[in-house]
Amino acid sequence: MRRIYVRGTGQEDNIGDVILRRAFFDELSRAGELHILLGDASADFLAALDLRDSDVVYRDVDDWRRSAYRSVLRRDTWWVDKPGELLLEEDIYKGQRRLLPLILAVRARGGRALRLGIGQRKPNSAVIERFRRLYRLSSMVAWRDVDSREHFGIGEVMPDWGFLPGADSGTQPRRRLVVSYRGDRQPLSAETITAIRDFASREDLTMTVITQVARDSARSKELHAQLGGELVDWEVVAGHRAQEDRLRDIYLETAVALSDRLHVLIVAAAEGAVPVNLIAEPDTKVARHFDAIGYHRMTVASVDRSSVEILHDLVAQAARTNEVIAQVSAARARIRDVARRALAIAS
């Protein structure tokens, strides 16, 4: 059987990292036996990935690499990079360059080297040409946003893997307004808080503050104190999968999700909620990932604006439910098409 050596490490406290990896591994497993580098991921993180009995997990990168070299000499072997955010930094480049002999060996023996669903955090002209030379050795490169594709000048664009799982519109009435924000940025302004409260009242929505990344828990509590409603924090549940299941149930009841977290908005949209990137000043990271699925102008900037102006924009965004559902459906079809071609699986 073909062996597929895949890098899969992620942020331990981030439900989004679990979701996109689980979807990614599910597709990859159609092409062979997975040998996944997961480093020091906790048992709970691993359990949430729903790995198969045939999947082999490696904690140490050297063990994983040695196994891959042995495999290349004996059987059909592929190498696959992890999806998600790419930091264009010198130390990251050096780490990727150490994998160059393995990638060359895989390609020389007729295997595939795949980078699917990646996106640069921000451009860095000092190192991008060296990254570009490495990436040109891949059998296929698919970026999760147009900007990354344009900066690198190679590969194609695909939607983020996080769009793949989900229930679309569902059948539940959507009477929730979800609010979730990063803990490492400035708090929302008083005008923004007023606009959110007024929007919930105008639309008759139940305020629901959620934590999808554990380190945001303190910010969630601050927002709950300001907004009221229900707080769905992480610290009271038993791990990643329990929190994901809670959140998906909530998103199925959600009309609109307000956040500056990319995968809060992606997962909410995948369950049929309208995603709104309500932030002080435009942050292109979130918007460009939604641009990649054809869902544009989902950012509402609040700086130097009154609560009435912000409220007006929120009302306009709330009317986009059918558009969200249509674009997410198209995104899923696009992801499956990319996976089919990357893995050479007949449709």
C-alpha atoms as a PDB file:
ATOM      1  CA  MET A   1       0.000   0.000   0.000  1.00  0.00           C
ATOM      2  CA  ARG A   2       1.151   3.561  -0.700  1.00  0.00           C
ATOM      3  CA  ARG A   3       2.471   5.463   2.289  1.00  0.00           C
ATOM      4  CA  ILE A   4       1.764   9.171   2.637  1.00  0.00           C
ATOM      5  CA  TYR A   5       4.066  11.087   4.978  1.00  0.00           C
ATOM      6  CA  VAL A   6       2.256  14.222   6.082  1.00  0.00           C
ATOM      7  CA  ARG A   7       3.177  17.039   8.418  1.00  0.00           C
ATOM      8  CA  GLY A   8       0.229  17.659  10.725  1.00  0.00           C
ATOM      9  CA  THR A   9       1.371  19.696  13.735  1.00  0.00           C
ATOM     10  CA  GLY A  10      -0.950  22.484  14.868  1.00  0.00           C
ATOM     11  CA  GLN A  11      -1.889  24.831  17.696  1.00  0.00           C
ATOM     12  CA  GLU A  12      -2.941  22.811  20.703  1.00  0.00           C
ATOM     13  CA  ASP A  13      -5.675  25.195  21.886  1.00  0.00           C
ATOM     14  CA  ASN A  14      -7.223  25.942  18.496  1.00  0.00           C
ATOM     15  CA  ILE A  15     -10.379  24.133  17.399  1.00  0.00           C
ATOM     16  CA  GLY A  16      -9.861  25.453  13.867  1.00  0.00           C
ATOM     17  CA  ASP A  17      -6.572  23.564  13.571  1.00  0.00           C
ATOM     18  CA  VAL A  18      -8.342  20.342  14.525  1.00  0.00           C
ATOM     19  CA  ILE A  19     -11.166  20.901  12.045  1.00  0.00           C
ATOM     20  CA  LEU A  20      -9.087  21.651   8.973  1.00  0.00           C
ATOM     21  CA  ARG A  21      -6.637  18.815   9.731  1.00  0.00           C
ATOM     22  CA  ARG A  22      -9.394  16.265  10.196  1.00  0.00           C
ATOM     23  CA  ALA A  23     -10.942  17.223   6.843  1.00  0.00           C
ATOM     24  CA  PHE A  24      -7.497  17.178   5.215  1.00  0.00           C
ATOM     25  CA  PHE A  25      -6.553  13.755   6.602  1.00  0.00           C
ATOM     26  CA  ASP A  26      -9.924  12.296   5.605  1.00  0.00           C
ATOM     27  CA  GLU A  27      -9.287  13.217   1.975  1.00  0.00           C
ATOM     28  CA  LEU A  28      -5.651  12.092   2.006  1.00  0.00           C
ATOM     29  CA  SER A  29      -6.574   8.697   3.434  1.00  0.00           C
ATOM     30  CA  ARG A  30      -8.364   7.879   0.179  1.00  0.00           C
ATOM     31  CA  ALA A  31      -4.963   7.645  -1.517  1.00  0.00           C
ATOM     32  CA  GLY A  32      -2.941   5.613   0.974  1.00  0.00           C
ATOM     33  CA  GLU A  33      -1.807   4.866   4.508  1.00  0.00           C
ATOM     34  CA  LEU A  34      -1.108   8.046   6.463  1.00  0.00           C
ATOM     35  CA  HIS A  35       2.103   8.534   8.449  1.00  0.00           C
ATOM     36  CA  ILE A  36       1.457  11.777  10.324  1.00  0.00           C
ATOM     37  CA  LEU A  37       3.939  13.956  12.195  1.00  0.00           C
ATOM     38  CA  LEU A  38       2.010  15.429  15.141  1.00  0.00           C
ATOM     39  CA  GLY A  39       4.825  16.365  17.516  1.00  0.00           C
ATOM     40  CA  ASP A  40       3.748  16.935  21.120  1.00  0.00           C
ATOM     41  CA  ALA A  41       0.012  17.132  20.409  1.00  0.00           C
ATOM     42  CA  SER A  42      -2.040  16.049  23.416  1.00  0.00           C
ATOM     43  CA  ALA A  43      -4.093  12.872  23.526  1.00  0.00           C
ATOM     44  CA  ASP A  44      -7.212  15.043  23.409  1.00  0.00           C
ATOM     45  CA  PHE A  45      -6.031  16.835  20.259  1.00  0.00           C
ATOM     46  CA  LEU A  46      -5.321  13.447  18.656  1.00  0.00           C
ATOM     47  CA  ALA A  47      -8.706  12.046  19.652  1.00  0.00           C
ATOM     48  CA  ALA A  48     -10.467  14.991  18.025  1.00  0.00           C
ATOM     49  CA  LEU A  49      -8.783  14.201  14.683  1.00  0.00           C
ATOM     50  CA  ASP A  50     -10.721  10.900  14.345  1.00  0.00           C
ATOM     51  CA  LEU A  51      -7.656   9.092  13.012  1.00  0.00           C
ATOM     52  CA  ARG A  52      -8.054   5.626  11.522  1.00  0.00           C
ATOM     53  CA  ASP A  53      -6.521   2.462  12.962  1.00  0.00           C
ATOM     54  CA  SER A  54      -4.194   2.319   9.968  1.00  0.00           C
ATOM     55  CA  ASP A  55      -2.826   5.846  10.542  1.00  0.00           C
ATOM     56  CA  VAL A  56       0.658   5.971  12.077  1.00  0.00           C
ATOM     57  CA  VAL A  57       1.429   8.911  14.379  1.00  0.00           C
ATOM     58  CA  TYR A  58       4.972  10.203  14.957  1.00  0.00           C
ATOM     59  CA  ARG A  59       6.015  12.461  17.810  1.00  0.00           C
ATOM     60  CA  ASP A  60       9.615  13.045  16.698  1.00  0.00           C
ATOM     61  CA  VAL A  61      10.461  14.632  13.343  1.00  0.00           C
ATOM     62  CA  ASP A  62      13.652  12.580  12.978  1.00  0.00           C
ATOM     63  CA  ASP A  63      11.761   9.308  13.491  1.00  0.00           C
ATOM     64  CA  TRP A  64       9.192  10.428  10.922  1.00  0.00           C
ATOM     65  CA  ARG A  65      11.865  11.435   8.429  1.00  0.00           C
ATOM     66  CA  ARG A  66      13.861   8.206   8.833  1.00  0.00           C
ATOM     67  CA  SER A  67      10.732   6.155   8.320  1.00  0.00           C
ATOM     68  CA  ALA A  68       9.963   8.146   5.171  1.00  0.00           C
ATOM     69  CA  TYR A  69      13.443   7.530   3.726  1.00  0.00           C
ATOM     70  CA  ARG A  70      13.119   3.796   4.346  1.00  0.00           C
ATOM     71  CA  SER A  71       9.689   3.813   2.751  1.00  0.00           C
ATOM     72  CA  VAL A  72      10.898   5.611  -0.387  1.00  0.00           C
ATOM     73  CA  LEU A  73      13.362   2.780  -1.047  1.00  0.00           C
ATOM     74  CA  ARG A  74      10.745   0.035  -0.734  1.00  0.00           C
ATOM     75  CA  ARG A  75       7.335   1.236  -1.859  1.00  0.00           C
ATOM     76  CA  ASP A  76       5.225   3.999  -3.399  1.00  0.00           C
ATOM     77  CA  THR A  77       5.720   6.989  -1.067  1.00  0.00           C
ATOM     78  CA  TRP A  78       4.340  10.534  -1.060  1.00  0.00           C
ATOM     79  CA  TRP A  79       5.211  13.615   0.988  1.00  0.00           C
ATOM     80  CA  VAL A  80       2.524  16.143   1.988  1.00  0.00           C
ATOM     81  CA  ASP A  81       2.950  19.467   3.781  1.00  0.00           C
ATOM     82  CA  LYS A  82       0.518  20.590   6.468  1.00  0.00           C
ATOM     83  CA  PRO A  83      -2.268  23.026   5.559  1.00  0.00           C
ATOM     84  CA  GLY A  84      -2.668  26.411   7.180  1.00  0.00           C
ATOM     85  CA  GLU A  85      -0.658  29.562   7.668  1.00  0.00           C
ATOM     86  CA  LEU A  86       2.863  29.886   6.274  1.00  0.00           C
ATOM     87  CA  LEU A  87       5.292  32.236   8.015  1.00  0.00           C
ATOM     88  CA  LEU A  88       7.823  33.581   5.525  1.00  0.00           C
ATOM     89  CA  GLU A  89      10.696  33.690   8.002  1.00  0.00           C
ATOM     90  CA  GLU A  90      14.318  32.571   7.903  1.00  0.00           C
ATOM     91  CA  ASP A  91      13.985  29.823  10.515  1.00  0.00           C
ATOM     92  CA  ILE A  92      10.854  28.437   8.844  1.00  0.00           C
ATOM     93  CA  TYR A  93      12.696  28.330   5.527  1.00  0.00           C
ATOM     94  CA  LYS A  94      15.621  26.477   7.102  1.00  0.00           C
ATOM     95  CA  GLY A  95      13.242  23.923   8.591  1.00  0.00           C
ATOM     96  CA  GLN A  96      11.578  23.345   5.233  1.00  0.00           C
ATOM     97  CA  ARG A  97      14.923  23.162   3.441  1.00  0.00           C
ATOM     98  CA  ARG A  98      15.945  20.255   5.690  1.00  0.00           C
ATOM     99  CA  LEU A  99      13.124  18.298   4.074  1.00  0.00           C
ATOM    100  CA  LEU A 100      14.480  18.933   0.576  1.00  0.00           C
ATOM    101  CA  PRO A 101      16.398  15.612   0.246  1.00  0.00           C
ATOM    102  CA  LEU A 102      13.249  13.707   1.227  1.00  0.00           C
ATOM    103  CA  ILE A 103      11.106  15.619  -1.270  1.00  0.00           C
ATOM    104  CA  LEU A 104      13.664  15.024  -4.043  1.00  0.00           C
ATOM    105  CA  ALA A 105      13.822  11.308  -3.203  1.00  0.00           C
ATOM    106  CA  VAL A 106      10.026  11.030  -3.266  1.00  0.00           C
ATOM    107  CA  ARG A 107       9.820  12.780  -6.643  1.00  0.00           C
ATOM    108  CA  ALA A 108      12.714  10.763  -8.110  1.00  0.00           C
ATOM    109  CA  ARG A 109      10.913   7.530  -7.234  1.00  0.00           C
ATOM    110  CA  GLY A 110       7.685   8.692  -8.902  1.00  0.00           C
ATOM    111  CA  GLY A 111       5.866   9.835  -5.758  1.00  0.00           C
ATOM    112  CA  ARG A 112       4.019  13.091  -5.197  1.00  0.00           C
ATOM    113  CA  ALA A 113       4.923  16.104  -3.073  1.00  0.00           C
ATOM    114  CA  LEU A 114       1.807  18.114  -2.227  1.00  0.00           C
ATOM    115  CA  ARG A 115       1.135  21.456  -0.571  1.00  0.00           C
ATOM    116  CA  LEU A 116      -2.618  21.930  -0.351  1.00  0.00           C
ATOM    117  CA  GLY A 117      -4.501  24.679   1.474  1.00  0.00           C
ATOM    118  CA  ILE A 118      -1.634  26.934   2.561  1.00  0.00           C
ATOM    119  CA  GLY A 119      -1.459  30.716   2.798  1.00  0.00           C
ATOM    120  CA  GLN A 120       1.241  33.201   3.689  1.00  0.00           C
ATOM    121  CA  ARG A 121       0.642  35.375   6.744  1.00  0.00           C
ATOM    122  CA  LYS A 122       2.299  38.378   5.105  1.00  0.00           C
ATOM    123  CA  PRO A 123       4.774  38.929   2.243  1.00  0.00           C
ATOM    124  CA  ASN A 124       8.515  38.929   2.933  1.00  0.00           C
ATOM    125  CA  SER A 125      10.669  39.813  -0.068  1.00  0.00           C
ATOM    126  CA  ALA A 126      13.846  38.816   1.771  1.00  0.00           C
ATOM    127  CA  VAL A 127      13.034  35.095   1.706  1.00  0.00           C
ATOM    128  CA  ILE A 128      10.181  34.533  -0.744  1.00  0.00           C
ATOM    129  CA  GLU A 129      12.431  33.586  -3.679  1.00  0.00           C
ATOM    130  CA  ARG A 130      14.034  30.812  -1.636  1.00  0.00           C
ATOM    131  CA  PHE A 131      10.611  29.523  -0.579  1.00  0.00           C
ATOM    132  CA  ARG A 132       9.505  29.734  -4.206  1.00  0.00           C
ATOM    133  CA  ARG A 133      12.384  27.503  -5.349  1.00  0.00           C
ATOM    134  CA  LEU A 134      11.397  24.873  -2.764  1.00  0.00           C
ATOM    135  CA  TYR A 135       7.729  25.025  -3.674  1.00  0.00           C
ATOM    136  CA  ARG A 136       8.426  24.597  -7.387  1.00  0.00           C
ATOM    137  CA  LEU A 137       9.597  21.065  -6.575  1.00  0.00           C
ATOM    138  CA  SER A 138       6.032  20.158  -5.531  1.00  0.00           C
ATOM    139  CA  SER A 139       3.735  18.073  -7.697  1.00  0.00           C
ATOM    140  CA  MET A 140       0.908  20.456  -6.843  1.00  0.00           C
ATOM    141  CA  VAL A 141       0.560  23.656  -4.828  1.00  0.00           C
ATOM    142  CA  ALA A 142      -2.849  25.058  -3.870  1.00  0.00           C
ATOM    143  CA  TRP A 143      -3.075  28.301  -1.904  1.00  0.00           C
ATOM    144  CA  ARG A 144      -6.025  29.179   0.311  1.00  0.00           C
ATOM    145  CA  ASP A 145      -6.062  32.827  -0.831  1.00  0.00           C
ATOM    146  CA  VAL A 146      -5.418  34.760  -4.039  1.00  0.00           C
ATOM    147  CA  ASP A 147      -2.751  37.057  -2.552  1.00  0.00           C
ATOM    148  CA  SER A 148      -0.470  34.124  -1.690  1.00  0.00           C
ATOM    149  CA  ARG A 149      -0.846  32.732  -5.199  1.00  0.00           C
ATOM    150  CA  GLU A 150      -0.007  36.103  -6.732  1.00  0.00           C
ATOM    151  CA  HIS A 151       3.053  36.656  -4.530  1.00  0.00           C
ATOM    152  CA  PHE A 152       4.482  33.205  -5.236  1.00  0.00           C
ATOM    153  CA  GLY A 153       3.463  33.075  -8.903  1.00  0.00           C
ATOM    154  CA  ILE A 154       2.962  29.302  -8.838  1.00  0.00           C
ATOM    155  CA  GLY A 155       0.111  26.915  -8.119  1.00  0.00           C
ATOM    156  CA  GLU A 156      -3.628  27.555  -7.891  1.00  0.00           C
ATOM    157  CA  VAL A 157      -6.204  28.749  -5.356  1.00  0.00           C
ATOM    158  CA  MET A 158      -8.478  26.512  -3.302  1.00  0.00           C
ATOM    159  CA  PRO A 159     -10.823  27.219  -0.371  1.00  0.00           C
ATOM    160  CA  ASP A 160      -9.615  26.595   3.166  1.00  0.00           C
ATOM    161  CA  TRP A 161     -10.136  23.003   4.326  1.00  0.00           C
ATOM    162  CA  GLY A 162     -12.295  24.318   7.174  1.00  0.00           C
ATOM    163  CA  PHE A 163     -15.151  24.950   4.734  1.00  0.00           C
ATOM    164  CA  LEU A 164     -15.500  21.237   3.923  1.00  0.00           C
ATOM    165  CA  PRO A 165     -17.294  19.851   7.021  1.00  0.00           C
ATOM    166  CA  GLY A 166     -20.673  21.332   7.919  1.00  0.00           C
ATOM    167  CA  ALA A 167     -24.410  21.166   7.490  1.00  0.00           C
ATOM    168  CA  ASP A 168     -25.103  24.224   5.297  1.00  0.00           C
ATOM    169  CA  SER A 169     -28.469  25.699   6.145  1.00  0.00           C
ATOM    170  CA  GLY A 170     -29.789  23.088   8.555  1.00  0.00           C
ATOM    171  CA  THR A 171     -33.389  23.042   9.753  1.00  0.00           C
ATOM    172  CA  GLN A 172     -33.128  24.835  13.097  1.00  0.00           C
ATOM    173  CA  PRO A 173     -34.455  28.371  13.509  1.00  0.00           C
ATOM    174  CA  ARG A 174     -31.572  30.843  13.523  1.00  0.00           C
ATOM    175  CA  ARG A 175     -32.096  33.074  16.533  1.00  0.00           C
ATOM    176  CA  ARG A 176     -28.530  33.517  17.801  1.00  0.00           C
ATOM    177  CA  LEU A 177     -25.954  36.258  17.341  1.00  0.00           C
ATOM    178  CA  VAL A 178     -22.489  34.770  17.946  1.00  0.00           C
ATOM    179  CA  VAL A 179     -19.621  37.001  19.094  1.00  0.00           C
ATOM    180  CA  SER A 180     -16.028  35.715  19.399  1.00  0.00           C
ATOM    181  CA  TYR A 181     -12.811  37.756  19.484  1.00  0.00           C
ATOM    182  CA  ARG A 182      -9.084  37.319  19.811  1.00  0.00           C
ATOM    183  CA  GLY A 183      -7.557  38.007  23.192  1.00  0.00           C
ATOM    184  CA  ASP A 184      -4.350  39.520  21.796  1.00  0.00           C
ATOM    185  CA  ARG A 185      -5.884  42.634  20.200  1.00  0.00           C
ATOM    186  CA  GLN A 186      -7.430  45.836  21.503  1.00  0.00           C
ATOM    187  CA  PRO A 187     -10.947  45.437  22.931  1.00  0.00           C
ATOM    188  CA  LEU A 188     -13.923  46.498  20.834  1.00  0.00           C
ATOM    189  CA  SER A 189     -14.802  50.173  21.064  1.00  0.00           C
ATOM    190  CA  ALA A 190     -17.773  51.451  23.042  1.00  0.00           C
ATOM    191  CA  GLU A 191     -19.521  52.388  19.775  1.00  0.00           C
ATOM    192  CA  THR A 192     -19.022  48.847  18.462  1.00  0.00           C
ATOM    193  CA  ILE A 193     -20.387  47.278  21.643  1.00  0.00           C
ATOM    194  CA  THR A 194     -23.454  49.526  21.416  1.00  0.00           C
ATOM    195  CA  ALA A 195     -23.956  48.606  17.766  1.00  0.00           C
ATOM    196  CA  ILE A 196     -23.784  44.880  18.566  1.00  0.00           C
ATOM    197  CA  ARG A 197     -26.326  45.248  21.370  1.00  0.00           C
ATOM    198  CA  ASP A 198     -28.646  47.301  19.178  1.00  0.00           C
ATOM    199  CA  PHE A 199     -28.318  44.819  16.322  1.00  0.00           C
ATOM    200  CA  ALA A 200     -29.242  41.869  18.537  1.00  0.00           C
ATOM    201  CA  SER A 201     -32.251  43.799  19.857  1.00  0.00           C
ATOM    202  CA  ARG A 202     -33.387  44.925  16.388  1.00  0.00           C
ATOM    203  CA  GLU A 203     -33.123  41.409  14.920  1.00  0.00           C
ATOM    204  CA  ASP A 204     -34.472  39.715  18.082  1.00  0.00           C
ATOM    205  CA  LEU A 205     -31.366  37.541  18.396  1.00  0.00           C
ATOM    206  CA  THR A 206     -29.994  35.853  21.514  1.00  0.00           C
ATOM    207  CA  MET A 207     -26.508  37.105  22.317  1.00  0.00           C
ATOM    208  CA  THR A 208     -24.011  34.222  22.485  1.00  0.00           C
ATOM    209  CA  VAL A 209     -20.331  34.818  23.275  1.00  0.00           C
ATOM    210  CA  ILE A 210     -18.164  31.807  22.398  1.00  0.00           C
ATOM    211  CA  THR A 211     -14.549  30.692  22.809  1.00  0.00           C
ATOM    212  CA  GLN A 212     -13.185  28.683  19.872  1.00  0.00           C
ATOM    213  CA  VAL A 213      -9.496  29.239  20.728  1.00  0.00           C
ATOM    214  CA  ALA A 214      -8.769  28.584  24.392  1.00  0.00           C
ATOM    215  CA  ARG A 215      -6.372  31.517  24.807  1.00  0.00           C
ATOM    216  CA  ASP A 216      -9.269  33.882  23.975  1.00  0.00           C
ATOM    217  CA  SER A 217     -11.182  32.863  27.109  1.00  0.00           C
ATOM    218  CA  ALA A 218     -10.455  36.067  29.041  1.00  0.00           C
ATOM    219  CA  ARG A 219     -11.637  38.224  26.125  1.00  0.00           C
ATOM    220  CA  SER A 220     -14.824  36.152  25.885  1.00  0.00           C
ATOM    221  CA  LYS A 221     -15.556  36.818  29.543  1.00  0.00           C
ATOM    222  CA  GLU A 222     -14.974  40.560  29.048  1.00  0.00           C
ATOM    223  CA  LEU A 223     -17.360  40.600  26.096  1.00  0.00           C
ATOM    224  CA  HIS A 224     -19.968  38.615  27.987  1.00  0.00           C
ATOM    225  CA  ALA A 225     -19.805  41.158  30.815  1.00  0.00           C
ATOM    226  CA  GLN A 226     -20.396  43.946  28.273  1.00  0.00           C
ATOM    227  CA  LEU A 227     -22.990  42.243  26.065  1.00  0.00           C
ATOM    228  CA  GLY A 228     -24.833  39.854  28.353  1.00  0.00           C
ATOM    229  CA  GLY A 229     -26.556  36.794  26.934  1.00  0.00           C
ATOM    230  CA  GLU A 230     -24.941  33.341  27.042  1.00  0.00           C
ATOM    231  CA  LEU A 231     -21.239  32.568  27.502  1.00  0.00           C
ATOM    232  CA  VAL A 232     -19.961  29.339  25.922  1.00  0.00           C
ATOM    233  CA  ASP A 233     -16.418  29.172  27.239  1.00  0.00           C
ATOM    234  CA  TRP A 234     -13.972  26.295  26.812  1.00  0.00           C
ATOM    235  CA  GLU A 235     -12.772  25.738  30.363  1.00  0.00           C
ATOM    236  CA  VAL A 236     -15.941  23.960  31.457  1.00  0.00           C
ATOM    237  CA  VAL A 237     -15.913  21.176  28.826  1.00  0.00           C
ATOM    238  CA  ALA A 238     -13.853  18.046  28.365  1.00  0.00           C
ATOM    239  CA  GLY A 239     -11.582  18.964  25.504  1.00  0.00           C
ATOM    240  CA  HIS A 240     -11.437  19.809  21.833  1.00  0.00           C
ATOM    241  CA  ARG A 241     -14.132  17.576  20.398  1.00  0.00           C
ATOM    242  CA  ALA A 242     -16.658  18.396  23.109  1.00  0.00           C
ATOM    243  CA  GLN A 243     -16.170  22.118  22.486  1.00  0.00           C
ATOM    244  CA  GLU A 244     -16.347  21.697  18.705  1.00  0.00           C
ATOM    245  CA  ASP A 245     -19.603  19.748  18.998  1.00  0.00           C
ATOM    246  CA  ARG A 246     -21.076  22.439  21.262  1.00  0.00           C
ATOM    247  CA  LEU A 247     -20.042  25.185  18.870  1.00  0.00           C
ATOM    248  CA  ARG A 248     -21.372  23.430  15.767  1.00  0.00           C
ATOM    249  CA  ASP A 249     -24.749  23.002  17.466  1.00  0.00           C
ATOM    250  CA  ILE A 250     -24.714  26.723  18.252  1.00  0.00           C
ATOM    251  CA  TYR A 251     -23.659  27.723  14.723  1.00  0.00           C
ATOM    252  CA  LEU A 252     -26.615  25.755  13.342  1.00  0.00           C
ATOM    253  CA  GLU A 253     -28.838  28.114  15.354  1.00  0.00           C
ATOM    254  CA  THR A 254     -26.838  31.229  14.448  1.00  0.00           C
ATOM    255  CA  ALA A 255     -28.049  33.938  12.099  1.00  0.00           C
ATOM    256  CA  VAL A 256     -24.869  36.056  12.190  1.00  0.00           C
ATOM    257  CA  ALA A 257     -21.364  35.456  13.583  1.00  0.00           C
ATOM    258  CA  LEU A 258     -19.152  38.451  14.452  1.00  0.00           C
ATOM    259  CA  SER A 259     -15.447  37.782  14.873  1.00  0.00           C
ATOM    260  CA  ASP A 260     -11.851  38.593  13.977  1.00  0.00           C
ATOM    261  CA  ARG A 261     -10.916  34.894  14.117  1.00  0.00           C
ATOM    262  CA  LEU A 262     -10.673  33.362  10.628  1.00  0.00           C
ATOM    263  CA  HIS A 263     -11.848  29.875  11.557  1.00  0.00           C
ATOM    264  CA  VAL A 264     -14.655  31.080  13.803  1.00  0.00           C
ATOM    265  CA  LEU A 265     -16.096  32.724  10.699  1.00  0.00           C
ATOM    266  CA  ILE A 266     -15.273  29.794   8.390  1.00  0.00           C
ATOM    267  CA  VAL A 267     -16.847  27.160  10.649  1.00  0.00           C
ATOM    268  CA  ALA A 268     -19.880  29.349  11.341  1.00  0.00           C
ATOM    269  CA  ALA A 269     -20.352  29.898   7.594  1.00  0.00           C
ATOM    270  CA  ALA A 270     -19.958  26.162   6.976  1.00  0.00           C
ATOM    271  CA  GLU A 271     -22.961  25.659   9.274  1.00  0.00           C
ATOM    272  CA  GLY A 272     -25.008  28.288   7.421  1.00  0.00           C
ATOM    273  CA  ALA A 273     -24.460  31.421   9.532  1.00  0.00           C
ATOM    274  CA  VAL A 274     -23.603  34.783   7.976  1.00  0.00           C
ATOM    275  CA  PRO A 275     -19.930  35.584   8.790  1.00  0.00           C
ATOM    276  CA  VAL A 276     -19.022  39.205   9.520  1.00  0.00           C
ATOM    277  CA  ASN A 277     -15.450  40.343  10.117  1.00  0.00           C
ATOM    278  CA  LEU A 278     -16.352  43.239  12.438  1.00  0.00           C
ATOM    279  CA  ILE A 279     -13.049  44.927  13.314  1.00  0.00           C
ATOM    280  CA  ALA A 280     -11.630  48.381  13.992  1.00  0.00           C
ATOM    281  CA  GLU A 281      -9.650  48.663  10.754  1.00  0.00           C
ATOM    282  CA  PRO A 282      -9.660  46.327   7.743  1.00  0.00           C
ATOM    283  CA  ASP A 283      -7.547  43.191   8.234  1.00  0.00           C
ATOM    284  CA  THR A 284      -7.043  41.525   4.885  1.00  0.00           C
ATOM    285  CA  LYS A 285      -6.280  38.071   6.315  1.00  0.00           C
ATOM    286  CA  VAL A 286      -9.897  37.116   6.962  1.00  0.00           C
ATOM    287  CA  ALA A 287     -11.351  38.844   3.911  1.00  0.00           C
ATOM    288  CA  ARG A 288      -8.926  37.305   1.427  1.00  0.00           C
ATOM    289  CA  HIS A 289      -9.809  33.781   2.557  1.00  0.00           C
ATOM    290  CA  PHE A 290     -13.478  34.497   1.920  1.00  0.00           C
ATOM    291  CA  ASP A 291     -12.606  36.194  -1.367  1.00  0.00           C
ATOM    292  CA  ALA A 292     -11.159  32.812  -2.376  1.00  0.00           C
ATOM    293  CA  ILE A 293     -14.669  31.295  -2.261  1.00  0.00           C
ATOM    294  CA  GLY A 294     -16.297  34.265  -3.991  1.00  0.00           C
ATOM    295  CA  TYR A 295     -17.819  35.732  -0.820  1.00  0.00           C
ATOM    296  CA  HIS A 296     -16.694  39.365  -0.895  1.00  0.00           C
ATOM    297  CA  ARG A 297     -17.157  42.517   1.228  1.00  0.00           C
ATOM    298  CA  MET A 298     -17.759  40.714   4.514  1.00  0.00           C
ATOM    299  CA  THR A 299     -15.623  43.140   6.577  1.00  0.00           C
ATOM    300  CA  VAL A 300     -17.244  45.898   8.614  1.00  0.00           C
ATOM    301  CA  ALA A 301     -14.708  48.461   9.821  1.00  0.00           C
ATOM    302  CA  SER A 302     -15.704  50.369  12.960  1.00  0.00           C
ATOM    303  CA  VAL A 303     -12.916  52.898  13.520  1.00  0.00           C
ATOM    304  CA  ASP A 304     -14.151  56.523  13.699  1.00  0.00           C
ATOM    305  CA  ARG A 305     -17.737  55.416  13.057  1.00  0.00           C
ATOM    306  CA  SER A 306     -20.842  55.809  15.151  1.00  0.00           C
ATOM    307  CA  SER A 307     -22.873  52.919  16.504  1.00  0.00           C
ATOM    308  CA  VAL A 308     -25.672  53.852  14.088  1.00  0.00           C
ATOM    309  CA  GLU A 309     -23.342  53.550  11.093  1.00  0.00           C
ATOM    310  CA  ILE A 310     -21.990  50.211  12.285  1.00  0.00           C
ATOM    311  CA  LEU A 311     -25.527  48.964  12.946  1.00  0.00           C
ATOM    312  CA  HIS A 312     -26.544  49.887   9.391  1.00  0.00           C
ATOM    313  CA  ASP A 313     -23.745  47.710   7.990  1.00  0.00           C
ATOM    314  CA  LEU A 314     -24.586  44.789  10.266  1.00  0.00           C
ATOM    315  CA  VAL A 315     -28.195  44.831   9.106  1.00  0.00           C
ATOM    316  CA  ALA A 316     -27.038  44.764   5.476  1.00  0.00           C
ATOM    317  CA  GLN A 317     -24.698  41.824   6.150  1.00  0.00           C
ATOM    318  CA  ALA A 318     -27.440  39.857   7.891  1.00  0.00           C
ATOM    319  CA  ALA A 319     -29.420  39.647   4.652  1.00  0.00           C
ATOM    320  CA  ARG A 320     -26.748  37.512   2.944  1.00  0.00           C
ATOM    321  CA  THR A 321     -27.733  34.040   4.208  1.00  0.00           C
ATOM    322  CA  ASN A 322     -28.571  32.586   0.795  1.00  0.00           C
ATOM    323  CA  GLU A 323     -25.343  33.957  -0.661  1.00  0.00           C
ATOM    324  CA  VAL A 324     -23.288  32.344   2.105  1.00  0.00           C
ATOM    325  CA  ILE A 325     -24.924  28.961   1.613  1.00  0.00           C
ATOM    326  CA  ALA A 326     -24.394  29.069  -2.163  1.00  0.00           C
ATOM    327  CA  GLN A 327     -20.724  30.070  -1.931  1.00  0.00           C
ATOM    328  CA  VAL A 328     -19.911  27.503   0.761  1.00  0.00           C
ATOM    329  CA  SER A 329     -21.534  24.789  -1.348  1.00  0.00           C
ATOM    330  CA  ALA A 330     -19.411  25.832  -4.326  1.00  0.00           C
ATOM    331  CA  ALA A 331     -16.324  25.927  -2.081  1.00  0.00           C
ATOM    332  CA  ARG A 332     -16.894  22.330  -1.020  1.00  0.00           C
ATOM    333  CA  ALA A 333     -17.146  21.224  -4.626  1.00  0.00           C
ATOM    334  CA  ARG A 334     -13.911  23.077  -5.389  1.00  0.00           C
ATOM    335  CA  ILE A 335     -12.071  21.465  -2.441  1.00  0.00           C
ATOM    336  CA  ARG A 336     -13.150  18.004  -3.557  1.00  0.00           C
ATOM    337  CA  ASP A 337     -12.045  18.740  -7.117  1.00  0.00           C
ATOM    338  CA  VAL A 338      -8.593  19.868  -5.925  1.00  0.00           C
ATOM    339  CA  ALA A 339      -8.282  16.769  -3.740  1.00  0.00           C
ATOM    340  CA  ARG A 340      -9.356  14.472  -6.577  1.00  0.00           C
ATOM    341  CA  ARG A 341      -6.730  15.913  -8.930  1.00  0.00           C
ATOM    342  CA  ALA A 342      -3.997  16.071  -6.302  1.00  0.00           C
ATOM    343  CA  LEU A 343      -4.567  12.460  -5.302  1.00  0.00           C
ATOM    344  CA  ALA A 344      -5.247  11.244  -8.870  1.00  0.00           C
ATOM    345  CA  ILE A 345      -8.565   9.718  -7.846  1.00  0.00           C
ATOM    346  CA  ALA A 346     -11.111   9.140 -10.579  1.00  0.00           C
ATOM    347  CA  SER A 347     -14.328  11.148 -10.242  1.00  0.00           C
END
